[in-house]
Each structure stands twice: as C-alpha cells, then as structure tokens.
C-alpha atoms as a PDB file:
ATOM      1  CA  MET A   1     113.877 139.339  82.761  1.00  0.00           C
ATOM      2  CA  SER A   2     110.593 139.578  80.033  1.00  0.00           C
ATOM      3  CA  PRO A   3     107.499 141.344  81.612  1.00  0.00           C
ATOM      4  CA  SER A   4     105.106 139.368  79.974  1.00  0.00           C
ATOM      5  CA  LEU A   5     105.632 135.926  81.627  1.00  0.00           C
ATOM      6  CA  SER A   6     103.093 135.108  83.648  1.00  0.00           C
ATOM      7  CA  SER A   7     103.249 134.820  87.139  1.00  0.00           C
ATOM      8  CA  THR A   8     100.661 131.941  87.398  1.00  0.00           C
ATOM      9  CA  PRO A   9     102.464 128.455  87.577  1.00  0.00           C
ATOM     10  CA  LEU A  10     102.684 126.295  85.002  1.00  0.00           C
ATOM     11  CA  SER A  11     100.639 123.196  84.742  1.00  0.00           C
ATOM     12  CA  ILE A  12     101.052 119.794  83.382  1.00  0.00           C
ATOM     13  CA  LEU A  13      98.387 117.282  82.614  1.00  0.00           C
ATOM     14  CA  PRO A  14      99.471 113.687  82.592  1.00  0.00           C
ATOM     15  CA  SER A  15      97.628 112.070  79.954  1.00  0.00           C
ATOM     16  CA  ALA A  16      95.938 108.399  81.014  1.00  0.00           C
ATOM     17  CA  SER A  17      98.564 106.223  79.985  1.00  0.00           C
ATOM     18  CA  GLU A  18     101.109 108.019  81.105  1.00  0.00           C
ATOM     19  CA  LEU A  19      99.350 108.651  84.482  1.00  0.00           C
ATOM     20  CA  LYS A  20      99.147 104.387  83.738  1.00  0.00           C
ATOM     21  CA  ASN A  21     102.730 104.123  83.044  1.00  0.00           C
ATOM     22  CA  GLY A  22     104.130 105.903  85.646  1.00  0.00           C
ATOM     23  CA  SER A  23     105.924 107.926  82.914  1.00  0.00           C
ATOM     24  CA  LEU A  24     105.942 110.938  81.282  1.00  0.00           C
ATOM     25  CA  SER A  25     106.187 111.449  77.632  1.00  0.00           C
ATOM     26  CA  GLN A  26     109.197 112.862  76.503  1.00  0.00           C
ATOM     27  CA  ARG A  27     107.533 116.085  75.381  1.00  0.00           C
ATOM     28  CA  ASN A  28     106.168 116.908  79.193  1.00  0.00           C
ATOM     29  CA  GLN A  29     109.571 115.435  80.782  1.00  0.00           C
ATOM     30  CA  GLU A  30     110.750 118.617  78.947  1.00  0.00           C
ATOM     31  CA  ILE A  31     108.213 120.833  79.420  1.00  0.00           C
ATOM     32  CA  ALA A  32     108.895 120.136  83.513  1.00  0.00           C
ATOM     33  CA  VAL A  33     112.531 120.475  83.323  1.00  0.00           C
ATOM     34  CA  ARG A  34     112.780 123.695  81.287  1.00  0.00           C
ATOM     35  CA  ALA A  35     109.474 125.050  83.794  1.00  0.00           C
ATOM     36  CA  LEU A  36     111.780 124.577  86.704  1.00  0.00           C
ATOM     37  CA  SER A  37     114.922 126.137  85.088  1.00  0.00           C
ATOM     38  CA  ARG A  38     112.590 129.265  84.104  1.00  0.00           C
ATOM     39  CA  ASP A  39     110.431 129.264  86.927  1.00  0.00           C
ATOM     40  CA  GLY A  40     111.621 127.399  89.745  1.00  0.00           C
ATOM     41  CA  LEU A  41     108.357 125.276  89.742  1.00  0.00           C
ATOM     42  CA  VAL A  42     106.239 122.717  88.322  1.00  0.00           C
ATOM     43  CA  VAL A  43     102.949 121.635  88.835  1.00  0.00           C
ATOM     44  CA  LEU A  44     101.955 118.161  87.917  1.00  0.00           C
ATOM     45  CA  GLU A  45      98.258 117.337  87.985  1.00  0.00           C
ATOM     46  CA  ASP A  46      95.719 114.798  88.942  1.00  0.00           C
ATOM     47  CA  LEU A  47      98.664 112.141  90.046  1.00  0.00           C
ATOM     48  CA  ILE A  48      97.196 111.067  93.556  1.00  0.00           C
ATOM     49  CA  ASP A  49      93.853 109.519  93.833  1.00  0.00           C
ATOM     50  CA  HIS A  50      91.036 111.389  95.787  1.00  0.00           C
ATOM     51  CA  ALA A  51      90.153 108.849  98.525  1.00  0.00           C
ATOM     52  CA  VAL A  52      93.881 108.547  99.718  1.00  0.00           C
ATOM     53  CA  LEU A  53      94.346 111.888  99.991  1.00  0.00           C
ATOM     54  CA  ASP A  54      90.278 112.568 102.068  1.00  0.00           C
ATOM     55  CA  ARG A  55      91.683 109.783 104.279  1.00  0.00           C
ATOM     56  CA  LEU A  56      95.340 110.947 105.133  1.00  0.00           C
ATOM     57  CA  ASN A  57      93.206 114.507 105.232  1.00  0.00           C
ATOM     58  CA  GLU A  58      91.491 113.098 107.996  1.00  0.00           C
ATOM     59  CA  LYS A  59      94.249 112.201 110.497  1.00  0.00           C
ATOM     60  CA  MET A  60      96.228 115.250 109.609  1.00  0.00           C
ATOM     61  CA  VAL A  61      93.501 117.538 110.410  1.00  0.00           C
ATOM     62  CA  LYS A  62      92.793 115.789 113.911  1.00  0.00           C
ATOM     63  CA  ASP A  63      96.564 116.315 114.399  1.00  0.00           C
ATOM     64  CA  ALA A  64      96.741 119.807 113.519  1.00  0.00           C
ATOM     65  CA  TYR A  65      94.384 120.759 116.051  1.00  0.00           C
ATOM     66  CA  GLU A  66      95.775 118.750 118.954  1.00  0.00           C
ATOM     67  CA  LEU A  67      99.223 120.725 118.015  1.00  0.00           C
ATOM     68  CA  GLN A  68      97.003 123.517 117.768  1.00  0.00           C
ATOM     69  CA  ALA A  69      96.047 123.471 121.327  1.00  0.00           C
ATOM     70  CA  ARG A  70      99.626 122.923 122.287  1.00  0.00           C
ATOM     71  CA  LYS A  71     101.097 125.490 124.763  1.00  0.00           C
ATOM     72  CA  SER A  72     104.322 125.128 122.783  1.00  0.00           C
ATOM     73  CA  SER A  73     102.715 124.845 119.045  1.00  0.00           C
ATOM     74  CA  PRO A  74     105.492 123.632 116.207  1.00  0.00           C
ATOM     75  CA  TYR A  75     104.550 127.420 114.146  1.00  0.00           C
ATOM     76  CA  ASN A  76     106.403 128.970 111.538  1.00  0.00           C
ATOM     77  CA  TYR A  77     106.757 132.557 111.582  1.00  0.00           C
ATOM     78  CA  ASN A  78     103.473 132.913 112.706  1.00  0.00           C
ATOM     79  CA  LYS A  79     101.306 131.325 115.111  1.00  0.00           C
ATOM     80  CA  GLY A  80      98.388 130.268 112.510  1.00  0.00           C
ATOM     81  CA  ASN A  81     101.054 128.524 109.935  1.00  0.00           C
ATOM     82  CA  ILE A  82     102.637 125.404 111.616  1.00  0.00           C
ATOM     83  CA  GLN A  83     104.988 122.329 111.052  1.00  0.00           C
ATOM     84  CA  GLN A  84     102.890 119.272 110.702  1.00  0.00           C
ATOM     85  CA  ASP A  85     104.655 115.498 110.321  1.00  0.00           C
ATOM     86  CA  PRO A  86     102.942 113.128 108.853  1.00  0.00           C
ATOM     87  CA  PRO A  87     102.535 109.449 110.643  1.00  0.00           C
ATOM     88  CA  LEU A  88     105.131 107.303 108.259  1.00  0.00           C
ATOM     89  CA  THR A  89     103.552 103.610 109.083  1.00  0.00           C
ATOM     90  CA  GLU A  90     102.086 101.243 107.038  1.00  0.00           C
ATOM     91  CA  GLU A  91      98.660 102.154 108.028  1.00  0.00           C
ATOM     92  CA  TRP A  92      98.749 105.824 106.390  1.00  0.00           C
ATOM     93  CA  PHE A  93     101.979 105.042 104.004  1.00  0.00           C
ATOM     94  CA  SER A  94     100.756 105.938  99.994  1.00  0.00           C
ATOM     95  CA  ASP A  95     103.465 105.143  96.805  1.00  0.00           C
ATOM     96  CA  GLU A  96     101.669 108.056  95.179  1.00  0.00           C
ATOM     97  CA  ILE A  97     102.231 110.373  97.716  1.00  0.00           C
ATOM     98  CA  TYR A  98     105.371 109.908  99.152  1.00  0.00           C
ATOM     99  CA  THR A  99     107.231 107.386  96.476  1.00  0.00           C
ATOM    100  CA  ASN A 100     104.913 109.013  92.864  1.00  0.00           C
ATOM    101  CA  PRO A 101     107.156 107.402  90.342  1.00  0.00           C
ATOM    102  CA  ILE A 102     106.410 110.913  88.028  1.00  0.00           C
ATOM    103  CA  VAL A 103     107.973 113.168  90.499  1.00  0.00           C
ATOM    104  CA  MET A 104     110.758 110.807  90.882  1.00  0.00           C
ATOM    105  CA  GLN A 105     111.097 111.163  86.441  1.00  0.00           C
ATOM    106  CA  VAL A 106     111.222 115.054  86.799  1.00  0.00           C
ATOM    107  CA  THR A 107     113.434 115.159  90.033  1.00  0.00           C
ATOM    108  CA  SER A 108     115.991 112.835  88.668  1.00  0.00           C
ATOM    109  CA  ASN A 109     116.192 114.672  85.195  1.00  0.00           C
ATOM    110  CA  THR A 110     116.428 118.184  86.912  1.00  0.00           C
ATOM    111  CA  LEU A 111     119.166 116.890  89.500  1.00  0.00           C
ATOM    112  CA  GLY A 112     120.752 114.176  88.125  1.00  0.00           C
ATOM    113  CA  PRO A 113     119.849 110.285  88.929  1.00  0.00           C
ATOM    114  CA  LYS A 114     118.961 109.131  91.827  1.00  0.00           C
ATOM    115  CA  PRO A 115     118.129 112.035  93.982  1.00  0.00           C
ATOM    116  CA  SER A 116     118.359 111.471  97.882  1.00  0.00           C
ATOM    117  CA  LEU A 117     115.252 112.043  99.401  1.00  0.00           C
ATOM    118  CA  ARG A 118     116.013 113.611 103.337  1.00  0.00           C
ATOM    119  CA  PHE A 119     112.674 115.502 104.502  1.00  0.00           C
ATOM    120  CA  ILE A 120     109.625 114.449 105.152  1.00  0.00           C
ATOM    121  CA  SER A 121     107.295 116.448 106.708  1.00  0.00           C
ATOM    122  CA  GLY A 122     103.895 119.048 106.439  1.00  0.00           C
ATOM    123  CA  ASN A 123     103.224 122.734 106.543  1.00  0.00           C
ATOM    124  CA  THR A 124      99.551 123.680 107.914  1.00  0.00           C
ATOM    125  CA  ALA A 125      97.660 126.784 107.209  1.00  0.00           C
ATOM    126  CA  LEU A 126      94.819 126.713 110.316  1.00  0.00           C
ATOM    127  CA  PRO A 127      91.855 128.781 110.436  1.00  0.00           C
ATOM    128  CA  PRO A 128      92.360 132.471 112.267  1.00  0.00           C
ATOM    129  CA  THR A 129      90.971 132.699 116.110  1.00  0.00           C
ATOM    130  CA  GLU A 130      90.921 135.461 118.372  1.00  0.00           C
ATOM    131  CA  SER A 131      94.265 134.304 119.621  1.00  0.00           C
ATOM    132  CA  SER A 132      95.723 133.574 116.124  1.00  0.00           C
ATOM    133  CA  PRO A 133      94.129 136.593 113.956  1.00  0.00           C
ATOM    134  CA  PRO A 134      95.194 136.270 110.376  1.00  0.00           C
ATOM    135  CA  ALA A 135      98.914 136.759 109.419  1.00  0.00           C
ATOM    136  CA  SER A 136     101.113 136.377 106.701  1.00  0.00           C
ATOM    137  CA  GLN A 137     104.938 134.335 106.813  1.00  0.00           C
ATOM    138  CA  PRO A 138     107.148 136.767 105.497  1.00  0.00           C
ATOM    139  CA  THR A 139     108.834 136.441 102.051  1.00  0.00           C
ATOM    140  CA  HIS A 140     111.387 133.644 102.068  1.00  0.00           C
ATOM    141  CA  ASN A 141     114.136 131.519 101.036  1.00  0.00           C
ATOM    142  CA  ASP A 142     114.775 127.737 102.551  1.00  0.00           C
ATOM    143  CA  ALA A 143     117.741 128.192 101.652  1.00  0.00           C
ATOM    144  CA  ASP A 144     118.861 130.440 104.230  1.00  0.00           C
ATOM    145  CA  PHE A 145     122.765 129.825 103.958  1.00  0.00           C
ATOM    146  CA  ASP A 146     125.266 130.131 101.460  1.00  0.00           C
ATOM    147  CA  HIS A 147     124.270 127.763  98.579  1.00  0.00           C
ATOM    148  CA  PRO A 148     125.252 126.892  94.907  1.00  0.00           C
ATOM    149  CA  THR A 149     123.816 128.461  92.353  1.00  0.00           C
ATOM    150  CA  ILE A 150     122.540 125.575  89.950  1.00  0.00           C
ATOM    151  CA  PRO A 151     119.936 123.331  91.095  1.00  0.00           C
ATOM    152  CA  PHE A 152     120.465 121.382  94.294  1.00  0.00           C
ATOM    153  CA  ALA A 153     117.323 120.338  95.849  1.00  0.00           C
ATOM    154  CA  LEU A 154     114.221 120.175  95.411  1.00  0.00           C
ATOM    155  CA  VAL A 155     110.823 120.279  96.970  1.00  0.00           C
ATOM    156  CA  VAL A 156     107.483 118.516  96.547  1.00  0.00           C
ATOM    157  CA  ASN A 157     104.687 119.592  97.510  1.00  0.00           C
ATOM    158  CA  VAL A 158     101.374 117.574  98.352  1.00  0.00           C
ATOM    159  CA  PRO A 159      98.239 119.523  99.307  1.00  0.00           C
ATOM    160  CA  LEU A 160      96.023 117.011 100.559  1.00  0.00           C
ATOM    161  CA  VAL A 161      92.754 119.516  99.357  1.00  0.00           C
ATOM    162  CA  THR A 162      92.481 121.777  96.745  1.00  0.00           C
ATOM    163  CA  MET A 163      95.331 124.770  97.637  1.00  0.00           C
ATOM    164  CA  THR A 164      93.120 128.531  97.188  1.00  0.00           C
ATOM    165  CA  PRO A 165      94.083 132.120  98.314  1.00  0.00           C
ATOM    166  CA  GLU A 166      91.083 131.439 100.722  1.00  0.00           C
ATOM    167  CA  ASN A 167      92.352 128.639 102.319  1.00  0.00           C
ATOM    168  CA  GLY A 168      96.377 129.707 102.560  1.00  0.00           C
ATOM    169  CA  SER A 169      97.899 128.856  98.960  1.00  0.00           C
ATOM    170  CA  THR A 170     101.591 129.470  99.297  1.00  0.00           C
ATOM    171  CA  GLU A 171     102.248 132.974  97.332  1.00  0.00           C
ATOM    172  CA  VAL A 172     105.551 132.040  95.025  1.00  0.00           C
ATOM    173  CA  TRP A 173     107.677 134.776  93.354  1.00  0.00           C
ATOM    174  CA  LEU A 174     108.432 132.643  89.661  1.00  0.00           C
ATOM    175  CA  GLY A 175     112.277 132.888  88.576  1.00  0.00           C
ATOM    176  CA  THR A 176     113.483 133.910  91.968  1.00  0.00           C
ATOM    177  CA  HIS A 177     115.243 130.927  92.371  1.00  0.00           C
ATOM    178  CA  ASP A 178     118.004 131.186  90.055  1.00  0.00           C
ATOM    179  CA  ASP A 179     119.953 134.852  91.103  1.00  0.00           C
ATOM    180  CA  THR A 180     119.555 134.775  94.727  1.00  0.00           C
ATOM    181  CA  THR A 181     122.090 134.661  97.214  1.00  0.00           C
ATOM    182  CA  ILE A 182     122.676 134.793 100.985  1.00  0.00           C
ATOM    183  CA  ALA A 183     123.275 138.590 100.544  1.00  0.00           C
ATOM    184  CA  ASP A 184     119.066 139.250  99.646  1.00  0.00           C
ATOM    185  CA  GLN A 185     117.894 137.591 102.982  1.00  0.00           C
ATOM    186  CA  GLU A 186     118.026 138.700 106.769  1.00  0.00           C
ATOM    187  CA  GLY A 187     118.475 136.607 109.789  1.00  0.00           C
ATOM    188  CA  LYS A 188     120.364 134.273 109.958  1.00  0.00           C
ATOM    189  CA  HIS A 189     119.853 130.640 109.691  1.00  0.00           C
ATOM    190  CA  GLY A 190     118.508 129.022 113.311  1.00  0.00           C
ATOM    191  CA  GLU A 191     116.844 132.220 113.980  1.00  0.00           C
ATOM    192  CA  ARG A 192     112.762 132.442 113.244  1.00  0.00           C
ATOM    193  CA  GLY A 193     112.790 135.024 110.811  1.00  0.00           C
ATOM    194  CA  SER A 194     115.827 133.602 109.000  1.00  0.00           C
ATOM    195  CA  GLY A 195     115.735 133.567 104.956  1.00  0.00           C
ATOM    196  CA  SER A 196     113.332 136.749 104.814  1.00  0.00           C
ATOM    197  CA  ILE A 197     113.914 138.353 101.756  1.00  0.00           C
ATOM    198  CA  LYS A 198     114.933 142.133 102.421  1.00  0.00           C
ATOM    199  CA  LYS A 199     112.383 144.702 101.368  1.00  0.00           C
ATOM    200  CA  HIS A 200     113.767 146.683  99.180  1.00  0.00           C
ATOM    201  CA  LEU A 201     114.548 143.479  96.597  1.00  0.00           C
ATOM    202  CA  LEU A 202     110.804 142.407  96.752  1.00  0.00           C
ATOM    203  CA  ASP A 203     109.769 145.728  95.793  1.00  0.00           C
ATOM    204  CA  ALA A 204     112.017 145.848  92.588  1.00  0.00           C
ATOM    205  CA  ARG A 205     110.920 142.508  91.965  1.00  0.00           C
ATOM    206  CA  ARG A 206     107.555 143.116  92.332  1.00  0.00           C
ATOM    207  CA  GLU A 207     107.626 145.563  89.190  1.00  0.00           C
ATOM    208  CA  ILE A 208     109.191 142.935  87.230  1.00  0.00           C
ATOM    209  CA  ARG A 209     106.843 140.086  88.040  1.00  0.00           C
ATOM    210  CA  PRO A 210     104.986 139.768  90.377  1.00  0.00           C
ATOM    211  CA  PRO A 211     103.849 137.110  92.977  1.00  0.00           C
ATOM    212  CA  ALA A 212     101.037 135.313  92.868  1.00  0.00           C
ATOM    213  CA  GLN A 213      99.187 132.439  94.966  1.00  0.00           C
ATOM    214  CA  PRO A 214      98.013 129.856  92.746  1.00  0.00           C
ATOM    215  CA  VAL A 215      94.966 127.615  92.619  1.00  0.00           C
ATOM    216  CA  VAL A 216      96.125 124.491  92.943  1.00  0.00           C
ATOM    217  CA  LYS A 217      93.994 121.462  91.980  1.00  0.00           C
ATOM    218  CA  LYS A 218      93.634 118.193  94.622  1.00  0.00           C
ATOM    219  CA  GLY A 219      95.250 115.146  93.050  1.00  0.00           C
ATOM    220  CA  SER A 220      98.042 118.330  91.998  1.00  0.00           C
ATOM    221  CA  ILE A 221     101.673 117.835  93.490  1.00  0.00           C
ATOM    222  CA  MET A 222     103.804 120.824  93.096  1.00  0.00           C
ATOM    223  CA  ILE A 223     107.440 120.727  92.485  1.00  0.00           C
ATOM    224  CA  ARG A 224     108.959 123.948  93.744  1.00  0.00           C
ATOM    225  CA  ASP A 225     113.487 124.687  93.414  1.00  0.00           C
ATOM    226  CA  LEU A 226     114.550 125.089  97.254  1.00  0.00           C
ATOM    227  CA  ARG A 227     116.152 128.097  96.441  1.00  0.00           C
ATOM    228  CA  LEU A 228     112.681 130.302  94.852  1.00  0.00           C
ATOM    229  CA  TRP A 229     111.157 132.660  97.384  1.00  0.00           C
ATOM    230  CA  HIS A 230     107.826 131.892  98.562  1.00  0.00           C
ATOM    231  CA  GLY A 231     105.501 132.994 101.934  1.00  0.00           C
ATOM    232  CA  GLY A 232     102.281 131.109 103.659  1.00  0.00           C
ATOM    233  CA  LYS A 233      99.596 133.707 103.661  1.00  0.00           C
ATOM    234  CA  PRO A 234      97.129 132.811 106.024  1.00  0.00           C
ATOM    235  CA  ASN A 235      93.907 130.534 105.999  1.00  0.00           C
ATOM    236  CA  LEU A 236      90.413 132.389 105.983  1.00  0.00           C
ATOM    237  CA  ASP A 237      88.679 129.242 105.422  1.00  0.00           C
ATOM    238  CA  LYS A 238      86.976 127.047 108.600  1.00  0.00           C
ATOM    239  CA  ASP A 239      88.827 123.855 107.693  1.00  0.00           C
ATOM    240  CA  PRO A 240      92.971 123.607 107.871  1.00  0.00           C
ATOM    241  CA  ARG A 241      94.977 123.260 104.941  1.00  0.00           C
ATOM    242  CA  VAL A 242      97.740 120.159 104.879  1.00  0.00           C
ATOM    243  CA  MET A 243     100.498 120.329 102.390  1.00  0.00           C
ATOM    244  CA  LEU A 244     102.970 118.063 102.851  1.00  0.00           C
ATOM    245  CA  ALA A 245     106.641 118.461 102.586  1.00  0.00           C
ATOM    246  CA  MET A 246     109.625 116.428 100.923  1.00  0.00           C
ATOM    247  CA  ILE A 247     112.944 117.263  99.366  1.00  0.00           C
ATOM    248  CA  HIS A 248     115.049 115.660  96.876  1.00  0.00           C
ATOM    249  CA  PHE A 249     118.516 116.864  97.492  1.00  0.00           C
ATOM    250  CA  ALA A 250     121.049 115.795  94.540  1.00  0.00           C
ATOM    251  CA  SER A 251     122.875 112.735  94.603  1.00  0.00           C
ATOM    252  CA  TRP A 252     126.168 115.071  94.694  1.00  0.00           C
ATOM    253  CA  TYR A 253     124.650 117.171  97.396  1.00  0.00           C
ATOM    254  CA  ARG A 254     126.510 115.981 100.862  1.00  0.00           C
ATOM    255  CA  ASN A 255     123.185 116.780 103.572  1.00  0.00           C
ATOM    256  CA  SER A 256     123.252 114.595 106.721  1.00  0.00           C
ATOM    257  CA  MET A 257     119.263 114.608 107.309  1.00  0.00           C
ATOM    258  CA  GLU A 258     117.688 111.209 107.670  1.00  0.00           C
ATOM    259  CA  VAL A 259     114.039 110.479 107.748  1.00  0.00           C
ATOM    260  CA  GLU A 260     112.847 108.524 110.066  1.00  0.00           C
ATOM    261  CA  PHE A 261     110.033 105.585 109.101  1.00  0.00           C
ATOM    262  CA  ALA A 262     108.268 102.587 110.953  1.00  0.00           C
ATOM    263  CA  GLU A 263     110.370  99.313 110.080  1.00  0.00           C
ATOM    264  CA  ASP A 264     107.428  97.878 108.250  1.00  0.00           C
ATOM    265  CA  LEU A 265     107.805 100.147 105.704  1.00  0.00           C
ATOM    266  CA  ALA A 266     111.236  99.014 104.828  1.00  0.00           C
ATOM    267  CA  GLU A 267     111.158  96.996 102.080  1.00  0.00           C
ATOM    268  CA  ARG A 268     108.632 100.024 100.229  1.00  0.00           C
ATOM    269  CA  VAL A 269     111.237 102.359 100.422  1.00  0.00           C
ATOM    270  CA  THR A 270     113.837 100.963  98.679  1.00  0.00           C
ATOM    271  CA  PRO A 271     116.414 102.774  95.870  1.00  0.00           C
ATOM    272  CA  GLU A 272     114.924  99.397  93.680  1.00  0.00           C
ATOM    273  CA  LYS A 273     111.354 100.138  94.117  1.00  0.00           C
ATOM    274  CA  THR A 274     111.629 104.161  93.935  1.00  0.00           C
ATOM    275  CA  GLY A 275     114.584 105.062  91.665  1.00  0.00           C
ATOM    276  CA  LEU A 276     115.281 107.385  95.137  1.00  0.00           C
ATOM    277  CA  GLU A 277     118.156 107.270  97.787  1.00  0.00           C
ATOM    278  CA  ILE A 278     116.006 107.426 100.714  1.00  0.00           C
ATOM    279  CA  ALA A 279     117.921 108.658 103.732  1.00  0.00           C
ATOM    280  CA  ALA A 280     115.730 106.490 106.053  1.00  0.00           C
ATOM    281  CA  THR A 281     115.995 105.139 109.591  1.00  0.00           C
ATOM    282  CA  TYR A 282     113.533 102.845 111.381  1.00  0.00           C
ATOM    283  CA  VAL A 283     111.931 102.308 114.251  1.00  0.00           C
ATOM    284  CA  THR A 284     109.112 100.111 115.266  1.00  0.00           C
ATOM    285  CA  GLU A 285     105.688 101.697 114.490  1.00  0.00           C
ATOM    286  CA  GLU A 286     104.516 101.771 118.672  1.00  0.00           C
ATOM    287  CA  GLN A 287     108.125 104.127 118.451  1.00  0.00           C
ATOM    288  CA  LEU A 288     107.030 106.124 115.792  1.00  0.00           C
ATOM    289  CA  ILE A 289     103.421 106.417 116.474  1.00  0.00           C
ATOM    290  CA  ARG A 290     104.951 108.434 119.828  1.00  0.00           C
ATOM    291  CA  LYS A 291     107.332 109.871 118.275  1.00  0.00           C
ATOM    292  CA  TYR A 292     106.158 111.734 115.032  1.00  0.00           C
ATOM    293  CA  LEU A 293     103.658 115.040 116.679  1.00  0.00           C
ATOM    294  CA  ASN A 294     107.020 115.617 118.877  1.00  0.00           C
ATOM    295  CA  ARG A 295     109.830 116.079 116.416  1.00  0.00           C
ATOM    296  CA  SER A 296     111.948 119.357 115.638  1.00  0.00           C
ATOM    297  CA  TYR A 297     110.851 121.808 113.314  1.00  0.00           C
ATOM    298  CA  GLY A 298     111.186 125.419 111.766  1.00  0.00           C
ATOM    299  CA  ASN A 299     115.357 125.621 111.809  1.00  0.00           C
ATOM    300  CA  ALA A 300     115.565 123.093 113.624  1.00  0.00           C
ATOM    301  CA  TYR A 301     116.444 121.401 110.512  1.00  0.00           C
ATOM    302  CA  ASP A 302     119.549 122.080 108.396  1.00  0.00           C
ATOM    303  CA  PHE A 303     119.307 121.937 104.537  1.00  0.00           C
ATOM    304  CA  SER A 304     123.148 122.746 104.068  1.00  0.00           C
ATOM    305  CA  GLN A 305     125.983 120.476 102.599  1.00  0.00           C
ATOM    306  CA  THR A 306     127.825 118.598 105.930  1.00  0.00           C
ATOM    307  CA  GLU A 307     131.290 119.629 103.286  1.00  0.00           C
ATOM    308  CA  LYS A 308     132.110 122.255 101.472  1.00  0.00           C
ATOM    309  CA  ILE A 309     134.140 122.832  98.030  1.00  0.00           C
ATOM    310  CA  GLU A 310     135.989 125.789  98.380  1.00  0.00           C
ATOM    311  CA  GLY A 311     138.776 127.870  96.980  1.00  0.00           C
ATOM    312  CA  ILE A 312     137.228 126.691  93.246  1.00  0.00           C
ATOM    313  CA  PHE A 313     133.437 128.462  92.512  1.00  0.00           C
END
C-alpha cells in the first residue's frame, strides 16, 4: 500500500443533470466503483433534500431520548452509541433516503444486478452524560464471521445532519476491506465486542494509512464495504447525531434477514420501482409503530450466509 494514499474518503458531487435523471455519468460511476475497490468507501454528496432530513431527524432525536431513558438501552459497545430503527411507515418514508436510484446504481455496479436490501436500522451518537462519559467503540469489522474475500455487502449510511469529529463522525480505516479475515478479530459472533480488530494489527496499519474521522456533509450518502474497519466515536456536541444504516447484499449472497415495513409501503418498494430486491415483511402501521423501537439490536443480527460453499475456495 502506497504511503501517499489519503485517509480522507473520496467524495463525488453529482451534476444537476445527474441528480435530475437519477443516474451518474459513466465517469462518475467508474470513480465510485474504483473508490469502493481501493478504499472500501465512497461519499455521494447532495443526494437528499435537507428539509426531508430535518423532518426525520426531529422524529428520530425524540425517539433517541426515549431509548436513552430506558433501563435497558439498545447500545452498541458503549452507552453513548445506540442502535435505533427509523419508523418505516408511509408518513416517514422517503424514496430519496431509502431507495435512492444513484445509490442503487453504485451498489449494483459493485455487487452485480439487483442487490438485496435486507437490513435497515440506524446508529445514534448521544451527547455525554454523567452516567455515560465520552467513549469510543473499538475499531471493528461488521463481518464478524468467516466471510468471502470479494465484495458481498455494502452498508449505505445516511447521516441526518452534517457529521463532524465534534458530533461523532465514524472513524474509518480506508483500504482495510480487501485483505481482512476472521483471524484479525477478537471475540466471537454474538458477543458484544465481536469483530474488534487486534491491537497489533491496528498499530501496524496506522503506520501505513492511519484512520480518519471525515466531515460528511448533510445531504450526502456514504457507501461502505461491510468488511471495512471502523468505529463509532464520542459525540461532544449538545444534540444526538443520527445516522441511518442499510445493507445491500449481492444477489448471490444467501442471507435470511428481512426488513419490516408498514403495509402501506408495499407498492413503493417493489423491484420494478427500486431496482432492488427488498426482503420485506409487512404489518399494519399500528403494529409497526408499536414495535419499531423494541426490536433486537447489535449482535442479534446475523450478516453471514445461511449456507456456505465448502471445499472449493
């Protein structure tokens, strides 16, 4: 790895015509795919109207304080970082956020036609309190299982506000996705600290290409290889920092997770309208509102394959 490579993620600013058509130019498509191949991450700027983000952010910040107040808060690694699902109902659903055609174009170019959307949740960095002082997640890999060495899953992150080091922008270790294995990690799948990268590997990597906490502008969408090393950082600001997370899997990847939507959204998330194979189950809006803040979190989710090919690779 060349020491001259930057630790700052590459960003693409689509033109007005690209945004209008919902399609990147061939040049920008190539840049996005090559950034994902080299760095394991790319940022697509100016994809979402700020008013759409503001409205959802107000709702999810209110929900975040409700979750924080619970005796058993759905935290990941430390209590300043909680997993938080968005309300997937007609009232709160936005095509710009969840089924953005430019995002689908990039993920399908990388993973192959019609990726499968099987996970929608969120990560919220909470301001510190007396009972929850500032703390970082360990640097970890979300692929905390024996996984393929080729791209098989991309995380689509949508920050609802501009992310900065002050409000807990995620620390990323660019280029760590393409040669990482389960042997690099501490802990087992299902344990709270699973996926943590071993210290001597972090020390060695820091000398080659150190991590960064990038500023990600409001309205941007960040696409990250699931295998990339990363870690949540403390939010030292006064307001929660909400970041949505969706996962697109390659069509050949055999995962069994499903996303629960309100039944009124069934016609909006079809493959014909989204270009995605969305693994969906549907409930009434009343049922979804009752359940969406009470789901499993953290390592209760399994991103591995239900069936593996043995004896060939």
